[in-house]
């Protein structure tokens, strides 16, 4: 299992997946195939994370995202635009 990154209070992590298959994706959009892949993108605050998600969803409407805080708590699930 991939380890959640260490975040300071106020930081957020985003994970991306293919909404059609559920496969976890790398930032490049390729399927993560290794336990050592970096699947989390870390942001200094919530708004840049949301901006990133919204920009990426415009690139591909089948991508979905999970936004978590420094305690690894789910803040928001962003459903793929195609099915929302």
C-alpha atoms as a PDB file:
ATOM      1  CA  UNK A   1       0.000   0.000   0.000  1.00  0.00           C
ATOM      2  CA  UNK A   2       1.271   3.453  -0.874  1.00  0.00           C
ATOM      3  CA  UNK A   3       2.135   5.580   2.094  1.00  0.00           C
ATOM      4  CA  UNK A   4       0.270   8.846   2.547  1.00  0.00           C
ATOM      5  CA  UNK A   5       2.723  11.759   2.458  1.00  0.00           C
ATOM      6  CA  UNK A   6       3.634  13.675   5.586  1.00  0.00           C
ATOM      7  CA  UNK A   7       1.717  16.944   5.479  1.00  0.00           C
ATOM      8  CA  UNK A   8       1.896  19.932   7.762  1.00  0.00           C
ATOM      9  CA  UNK A   9      -1.305  21.411   9.116  1.00  0.00           C
ATOM     10  CA  UNK A  10      -2.976  23.406   6.351  1.00  0.00           C
ATOM     11  CA  UNK A  11      -1.503  21.303   3.544  1.00  0.00           C
ATOM     12  CA  UNK A  12      -3.606  19.065   1.316  1.00  0.00           C
ATOM     13  CA  UNK A  13      -2.967  16.052  -0.907  1.00  0.00           C
ATOM     14  CA  UNK A  14      -4.748  15.133  -4.131  1.00  0.00           C
ATOM     15  CA  UNK A  15      -5.005  11.687  -5.700  1.00  0.00           C
ATOM     16  CA  UNK A  16      -6.274  11.121  -9.240  1.00  0.00           C
ATOM     17  CA  UNK A  17      -8.007   8.054 -10.708  1.00  0.00           C
ATOM     18  CA  UNK A  18      -9.706   6.992 -13.917  1.00  0.00           C
ATOM     19  CA  UNK A  19     -13.425   7.182 -13.231  1.00  0.00           C
ATOM     20  CA  UNK A  20     -14.187   4.442 -15.781  1.00  0.00           C
ATOM     21  CA  UNK A  21     -11.784   1.857 -14.354  1.00  0.00           C
ATOM     22  CA  UNK A  22     -10.875   3.029 -10.855  1.00  0.00           C
ATOM     23  CA  UNK A  23      -7.170   2.784 -11.677  1.00  0.00           C
ATOM     24  CA  UNK A  24      -5.025   5.216  -9.702  1.00  0.00           C
ATOM     25  CA  UNK A  25      -3.213   7.584 -12.042  1.00  0.00           C
ATOM     26  CA  UNK A  26       0.076   9.383 -11.993  1.00  0.00           C
ATOM     27  CA  UNK A  27       0.123  13.125 -12.635  1.00  0.00           C
ATOM     28  CA  UNK A  28       0.976  12.305 -16.266  1.00  0.00           C
ATOM     29  CA  UNK A  29      -2.350  10.476 -16.596  1.00  0.00           C
ATOM     30  CA  UNK A  30      -0.646   7.087 -16.885  1.00  0.00           C
ATOM     31  CA  UNK A  31      -1.802   4.200 -14.698  1.00  0.00           C
ATOM     32  CA  UNK A  32       0.225   3.759 -11.507  1.00  0.00           C
ATOM     33  CA  UNK A  33       1.876   0.345 -11.703  1.00  0.00           C
ATOM     34  CA  UNK A  34       4.277   0.401  -8.772  1.00  0.00           C
ATOM     35  CA  UNK A  35       3.990   0.736  -5.017  1.00  0.00           C
ATOM     36  CA  UNK A  36       6.766   3.336  -5.191  1.00  0.00           C
ATOM     37  CA  UNK A  37       4.918   5.621  -7.640  1.00  0.00           C
ATOM     38  CA  UNK A  38       4.164   9.126  -6.440  1.00  0.00           C
ATOM     39  CA  UNK A  39       0.369   9.214  -6.557  1.00  0.00           C
ATOM     40  CA  UNK A  40      -0.178  12.201  -4.258  1.00  0.00           C
ATOM     41  CA  UNK A  41       0.275  15.812  -5.270  1.00  0.00           C
ATOM     42  CA  UNK A  42       0.757  18.084  -2.251  1.00  0.00           C
ATOM     43  CA  UNK A  43      -0.528  21.654  -2.012  1.00  0.00           C
ATOM     44  CA  UNK A  44       0.181  24.380   0.567  1.00  0.00           C
ATOM     45  CA  UNK A  45      -3.519  25.153   1.036  1.00  0.00           C
ATOM     46  CA  UNK A  46      -6.940  24.015  -0.140  1.00  0.00           C
ATOM     47  CA  UNK A  47      -7.621  26.553  -2.926  1.00  0.00           C
ATOM     48  CA  UNK A  48      -4.595  25.680  -5.093  1.00  0.00           C
ATOM     49  CA  UNK A  49      -5.576  22.015  -4.751  1.00  0.00           C
ATOM     50  CA  UNK A  50      -9.123  22.725  -5.917  1.00  0.00           C
ATOM     51  CA  UNK A  51      -7.838  24.897  -8.779  1.00  0.00           C
ATOM     52  CA  UNK A  52      -5.545  22.053  -9.854  1.00  0.00           C
ATOM     53  CA  UNK A  53      -8.409  19.542  -9.785  1.00  0.00           C
ATOM     54  CA  UNK A  54     -10.694  21.798 -11.817  1.00  0.00           C
ATOM     55  CA  UNK A  55      -7.977  22.408 -14.413  1.00  0.00           C
ATOM     56  CA  UNK A  56      -7.179  18.707 -14.725  1.00  0.00           C
ATOM     57  CA  UNK A  57     -10.852  17.773 -15.068  1.00  0.00           C
ATOM     58  CA  UNK A  58     -11.083  20.109 -18.061  1.00  0.00           C
ATOM     59  CA  UNK A  59      -8.241  18.113 -19.664  1.00  0.00           C
ATOM     60  CA  UNK A  60     -10.028  14.785 -19.224  1.00  0.00           C
ATOM     61  CA  UNK A  61     -13.642  14.458 -18.136  1.00  0.00           C
ATOM     62  CA  UNK A  62     -13.224  10.844 -16.979  1.00  0.00           C
ATOM     63  CA  UNK A  63     -10.693  11.655 -14.252  1.00  0.00           C
ATOM     64  CA  UNK A  64     -11.861  11.762 -10.640  1.00  0.00           C
ATOM     65  CA  UNK A  65     -10.032  13.154  -7.627  1.00  0.00           C
ATOM     66  CA  UNK A  66      -9.798  12.767  -3.867  1.00  0.00           C
ATOM     67  CA  UNK A  67      -8.751  15.692  -1.693  1.00  0.00           C
ATOM     68  CA  UNK A  68      -7.418  14.936   1.811  1.00  0.00           C
ATOM     69  CA  UNK A  69      -6.061  17.042   4.642  1.00  0.00           C
ATOM     70  CA  UNK A  70      -2.949  16.575   6.793  1.00  0.00           C
ATOM     71  CA  UNK A  71      -4.785  14.028   8.967  1.00  0.00           C
ATOM     72  CA  UNK A  72      -5.585  11.938   5.879  1.00  0.00           C
ATOM     73  CA  UNK A  73      -9.261  12.852   6.251  1.00  0.00           C
ATOM     74  CA  UNK A  74     -11.387  13.061   3.132  1.00  0.00           C
ATOM     75  CA  UNK A  75     -12.236  16.678   2.426  1.00  0.00           C
ATOM     76  CA  UNK A  76     -13.983  16.154  -0.896  1.00  0.00           C
ATOM     77  CA  UNK A  77     -14.443  13.595  -3.641  1.00  0.00           C
ATOM     78  CA  UNK A  78     -14.589  15.104  -7.133  1.00  0.00           C
ATOM     79  CA  UNK A  79     -16.580  12.842  -9.425  1.00  0.00           C
ATOM     80  CA  UNK A  80     -15.524  12.634 -13.067  1.00  0.00           C
ATOM     81  CA  UNK A  81     -17.341  15.380 -14.990  1.00  0.00           C
ATOM     82  CA  UNK A  82     -18.586  12.914 -17.575  1.00  0.00           C
ATOM     83  CA  UNK A  83     -20.794  11.181 -14.999  1.00  0.00           C
ATOM     84  CA  UNK A  84     -21.645  14.051 -12.671  1.00  0.00           C
END
